[in-house]
Amino acid sequence: KSAKANADSSVTRSLRHLEFVERWGLLATDQTDTMLADLYAQQERWADAERVLVRILDRRSGDAETHNALGKALAQQYRYDEAMRQYQTALDMNPDRPETHYNLAGAYFRIGQREETQRHLEEALRLQPDFPEALYDLGVLLVKTRHFKEGIEHLRHTLTLKPDFADAHYNLSVALGMTGNYEEAVREIERAHALRPDDEKTQRVRAYLRSLRPPKLGGGS
C-alpha cells in the first residue's frame, strides 16, 4: 500500500473507534471530542466537525483553538458571518495567533471586504513572516487591486518557501504579463504547466504568453 493509503486507513480506524465512543457515551472527554472533530475535518465532514466542537463549547467556555476550529467548520459550509464571530472570539482570547488572522481574512474575502482581508493577512504575516499561504493570498489580493510591485514581491517570497506551489507560479506569471515582463511570465507559466499539465486555465495562459514572445533568431520556437 502507498503511504497515503496507509494514512487514510489509519484515520478511518481512529474515526470508527471515536464514533463508537461517542455513540455509547464511553469516557467521552474534551480530548476525545477534539480528536474526533479533527478527524471529521480531515475527511471534510464539516457538519459533523461543527456538531462535536459545539458540544465541547457547551461543556466549557472553550479556548482559542476550539473557536478557531469551529470557525473553519462553519466557513467550509459557507456560513461566513457565524465563522467570523468564532474567529473573533478566538482572537479575543489569543490575538497573537497567525492562523486565526489568516482564517478571518479568508472569511472577509468571501464576503467582499477587501480592506479587512488585507488587514488580517498583514497581521498574520507580522506574527509569522514566513507564512506561505498568507503571503500568497496577500500577493494575489495586491495584484487584483493593481498594486503590482508589492504583489509580485509577495508571490516571489511565497515561492522561496514553497517552490512547487503551482497557483503561485500561475498568478506570478499573470502579474508579470500584466506589467509587460513577458519573458519572465513565460518562465513562470512553464513552471506552473510542469506542475499541473492538464489544467486548462494554465494551458490557455501559456499559449497566449508564448504567442507574445518574439521568435528566436534562426526561426526557433
Protein backbone atom coordinates (compact mmCIF):
# COMPACT_ATOMS: atom_id res chain seq x y z
CA LYS A 1 0.00 0.00 0.00
CA SER A 2 1.08 3.59 -0.55
CA ALA A 3 1.89 5.87 2.38
CA LYS A 4 -1.30 7.86 1.64
CA ALA A 5 -3.44 4.71 1.62
CA ASN A 6 -1.94 3.62 4.94
CA ALA A 7 -2.59 7.08 6.42
CA ASP A 8 -6.19 7.07 5.17
CA SER A 9 -6.73 3.61 6.64
CA SER A 10 -5.34 4.77 9.99
CA VAL A 11 -7.63 7.82 10.01
CA THR A 12 -10.64 5.62 9.22
CA ARG A 13 -9.83 3.18 12.05
CA SER A 14 -9.37 6.04 14.53
CA LEU A 15 -12.60 7.65 13.40
CA ARG A 16 -14.59 4.42 13.82
CA HIS A 17 -13.21 3.97 17.31
CA LEU A 18 -14.06 7.52 18.39
CA GLU A 19 -17.53 7.34 16.81
CA PHE A 20 -18.12 4.18 18.86
CA VAL A 21 -17.04 6.05 21.99
CA GLU A 22 -19.37 8.92 21.06
CA ARG A 23 -22.36 6.69 20.26
CA TRP A 24 -22.25 4.80 23.52
CA GLY A 25 -21.05 7.64 25.74
CA LEU A 26 -17.94 5.75 26.77
CA LEU A 27 -15.49 8.09 28.51
CA ALA A 28 -16.23 10.98 26.16
CA THR A 29 -13.92 13.87 27.10
CA ASP A 30 -12.81 17.16 25.61
CA GLN A 31 -9.68 15.35 24.41
CA THR A 32 -11.54 12.57 22.60
CA ASP A 33 -14.04 15.05 21.15
CA THR A 34 -11.20 17.29 19.91
CA MET A 35 -9.63 14.26 18.23
CA LEU A 36 -12.99 13.31 16.72
CA ALA A 37 -13.59 16.83 15.37
CA ASP A 38 -10.09 16.87 13.87
CA LEU A 39 -10.68 13.54 12.12
CA TYR A 40 -14.01 14.79 10.75
CA ALA A 41 -12.21 17.87 9.43
CA GLN A 42 -9.55 15.73 7.76
CA GLN A 43 -12.37 13.93 5.91
CA GLU A 44 -14.13 17.25 5.18
CA ARG A 45 -17.18 16.20 7.16
CA TRP A 46 -17.72 19.77 8.27
CA ALA A 47 -21.23 19.46 9.72
CA ASP A 48 -20.06 16.57 11.94
CA ALA A 49 -16.99 18.56 12.99
CA GLU A 50 -19.24 21.51 13.87
CA ARG A 51 -21.54 19.30 15.96
CA VAL A 52 -18.67 17.94 18.04
CA LEU A 53 -16.98 21.31 18.50
CA VAL A 54 -20.26 22.89 19.66
CA ARG A 55 -20.59 20.06 22.17
CA ILE A 56 -17.12 20.87 23.54
CA LEU A 57 -18.06 24.53 23.91
CA ASP A 58 -21.35 23.60 25.60
CA ARG A 59 -19.37 21.79 28.29
CA ARG A 60 -16.96 24.65 28.96
CA SER A 61 -16.05 28.14 27.80
CA GLY A 62 -13.57 26.78 25.29
CA ASP A 63 -10.22 28.08 24.12
CA ALA A 64 -8.91 29.94 21.10
CA GLU A 65 -8.06 26.75 19.21
CA THR A 66 -11.58 25.31 19.58
CA HIS A 67 -13.24 28.55 18.47
CA ASN A 68 -10.86 28.75 15.50
CA ALA A 69 -11.65 25.15 14.52
CA LEU A 70 -15.39 25.83 14.76
CA GLY A 71 -14.96 28.94 12.63
CA LYS A 72 -13.25 26.86 9.96
CA ALA A 73 -16.02 24.23 10.02
CA LEU A 74 -18.64 26.97 9.60
CA ALA A 75 -16.71 28.72 6.82
CA GLN A 76 -16.45 25.46 4.91
CA GLN A 77 -20.27 25.38 5.00
CA TYR A 78 -20.40 28.95 3.60
CA ARG A 79 -21.68 30.37 6.89
CA TYR A 80 -19.21 33.22 6.92
CA ASP A 81 -20.88 35.55 9.43
CA GLU A 82 -21.01 32.78 12.02
CA ALA A 83 -17.44 31.77 11.20
CA MET A 84 -16.23 35.34 11.66
CA ARG A 85 -17.80 35.52 15.12
CA GLN A 86 -15.92 32.37 16.13
CA TYR A 87 -12.63 33.66 14.72
CA GLN A 88 -13.10 36.98 16.53
CA THR A 89 -13.80 35.15 19.79
CA ALA A 90 -10.59 33.17 19.25
CA LEU A 91 -8.66 36.41 18.67
CA ASP A 92 -10.16 37.97 21.79
CA MET A 93 -8.65 35.03 23.69
CA ASN A 94 -5.36 34.99 21.79
CA PRO A 95 -4.70 37.95 19.45
CA ASP A 96 -1.25 36.63 18.50
CA ARG A 97 -2.43 33.54 16.63
CA PRO A 98 -1.48 33.98 12.93
CA GLU A 99 -3.66 31.11 11.71
CA THR A 100 -6.80 32.76 13.10
CA HIS A 101 -5.99 36.09 11.44
CA TYR A 102 -5.47 34.17 8.20
CA ASN A 103 -8.78 32.34 8.53
CA LEU A 104 -10.63 35.56 9.37
CA ALA A 105 -9.07 37.21 6.32
CA GLY A 106 -10.44 34.38 4.19
CA ALA A 107 -13.95 34.91 5.53
CA TYR A 108 -13.76 38.65 4.91
CA PHE A 109 -12.58 37.98 1.35
CA ARG A 110 -15.56 35.70 0.72
CA ILE A 111 -17.98 38.49 1.63
CA GLY A 112 -16.11 41.08 -0.43
CA GLN A 113 -14.45 43.12 2.32
CA ARG A 114 -11.00 43.56 0.83
CA GLU A 115 -9.68 46.13 3.32
CA GLU A 116 -10.36 43.83 6.26
CA THR A 117 -8.96 40.91 4.28
CA GLN A 118 -5.71 42.78 3.73
CA ARG A 119 -5.53 43.97 7.34
CA HIS A 120 -5.76 40.46 8.76
CA LEU A 121 -3.37 38.97 6.19
CA GLU A 122 -0.83 41.64 7.10
CA GLU A 123 -1.33 40.91 10.79
CA ALA A 124 -0.84 37.16 10.17
CA LEU A 125 2.43 37.98 8.40
CA ARG A 126 3.55 40.36 11.13
CA LEU A 127 3.19 37.47 13.56
CA GLN A 128 4.62 34.84 11.19
CA PRO A 129 6.61 36.42 8.32
CA ASP A 130 7.25 33.10 6.55
CA PHE A 131 3.58 32.06 6.29
CA PRO A 132 3.37 30.94 2.64
CA GLU A 133 -0.42 30.79 2.34
CA ALA A 134 -0.81 34.29 3.80
CA LEU A 135 1.97 35.62 1.54
CA TYR A 136 0.27 34.07 -1.47
CA ASP A 137 -3.21 35.36 -0.65
CA LEU A 138 -1.90 38.87 0.04
CA GLY A 139 0.12 38.78 -3.18
CA VAL A 140 -2.96 37.82 -5.21
CA LEU A 141 -5.05 40.49 -3.45
CA LEU A 142 -2.45 43.17 -4.17
CA VAL A 143 -2.33 42.19 -7.85
CA LYS A 144 -6.12 42.29 -8.04
CA THR A 145 -6.06 45.83 -6.62
CA ARG A 146 -3.32 46.74 -9.15
CA HIS A 147 -0.51 47.06 -6.61
CA PHE A 148 1.67 45.02 -8.94
CA LYS A 149 5.12 45.64 -7.46
CA GLU A 150 4.12 44.62 -3.94
CA GLY A 151 2.01 41.72 -5.19
CA ILE A 152 4.84 40.32 -7.29
CA GLU A 153 7.22 40.61 -4.33
CA HIS A 154 4.83 38.62 -2.13
CA LEU A 155 4.36 35.92 -4.78
CA ARG A 156 8.13 35.61 -5.23
CA HIS A 157 8.56 35.27 -1.47
CA THR A 158 5.86 32.57 -1.44
CA LEU A 159 7.82 30.56 -3.99
CA THR A 160 11.03 30.75 -1.98
CA LEU A 161 9.10 28.90 0.74
CA LYS A 162 7.01 26.60 -1.49
CA PRO A 163 8.77 26.18 -4.86
CA ASP A 164 6.18 23.65 -6.10
CA PHE A 165 3.17 25.90 -5.43
CA ALA A 166 1.54 25.80 -8.87
CA ASP A 167 -1.03 28.52 -8.13
CA ALA A 168 1.74 30.89 -7.07
CA HIS A 169 3.66 30.28 -10.31
CA TYR A 170 0.46 30.80 -12.29
CA ASN A 171 -0.51 34.06 -10.58
CA LEU A 172 3.06 35.38 -10.66
CA SER A 173 3.06 34.70 -14.40
CA VAL A 174 -0.20 36.61 -14.84
CA ALA A 175 1.09 39.55 -12.77
CA LEU A 176 4.34 39.66 -14.74
CA GLY A 177 2.42 39.54 -18.00
CA MET A 178 0.19 42.40 -16.88
CA THR A 179 3.28 44.51 -16.23
CA GLY A 180 4.83 43.69 -19.61
CA ASN A 181 7.54 41.31 -18.36
CA TYR A 182 6.66 38.61 -20.88
CA GLU A 183 9.90 36.62 -20.83
CA GLU A 184 9.71 36.02 -17.10
CA ALA A 185 5.95 35.50 -17.33
CA VAL A 186 6.57 32.68 -19.82
CA ARG A 187 9.12 31.07 -17.48
CA GLU A 188 6.65 31.12 -14.60
CA ILE A 189 3.75 29.74 -16.64
CA GLU A 190 6.04 26.96 -17.87
CA ARG A 191 6.75 26.08 -14.24
CA ALA A 192 3.03 26.09 -13.45
CA HIS A 193 2.37 23.92 -16.52
CA ALA A 194 5.06 21.42 -15.47
CA LEU A 195 3.36 21.06 -12.09
CA ARG A 196 -0.18 20.69 -13.49
CA PRO A 197 -0.02 19.92 -17.23
CA ASP A 198 -3.74 19.09 -17.52
CA ASP A 199 -5.03 22.38 -16.11
CA GLU A 200 -6.97 24.16 -18.88
CA LYS A 201 -6.58 27.67 -17.44
CA THR A 202 -2.81 27.24 -17.28
CA GLN A 203 -2.77 25.90 -20.83
CA ARG A 204 -4.69 28.94 -22.13
CA VAL A 205 -2.43 31.47 -20.42
CA ARG A 206 0.66 29.53 -21.55
CA ALA A 207 -0.48 29.57 -25.18
CA TYR A 208 -1.27 33.29 -25.02
CA LEU A 209 2.06 34.27 -23.43
CA ARG A 210 4.04 32.11 -25.83
CA SER A 211 2.29 33.84 -28.74
CA LEU A 212 3.55 37.21 -27.47
CA ARG A 213 7.18 36.13 -27.20
CA PRO A 214 9.21 37.12 -30.27
CA PRO A 215 10.78 34.21 -32.19
CA LYS A 216 14.45 33.48 -31.64
CA LEU A 217 16.95 34.22 -34.37
CA GLY A 218 17.22 31.33 -36.78
CA GLY A 219 13.49 30.56 -36.69
CA GLY A 220 13.44 28.64 -33.39
CA SER A 221 10.19 28.49 -31.38
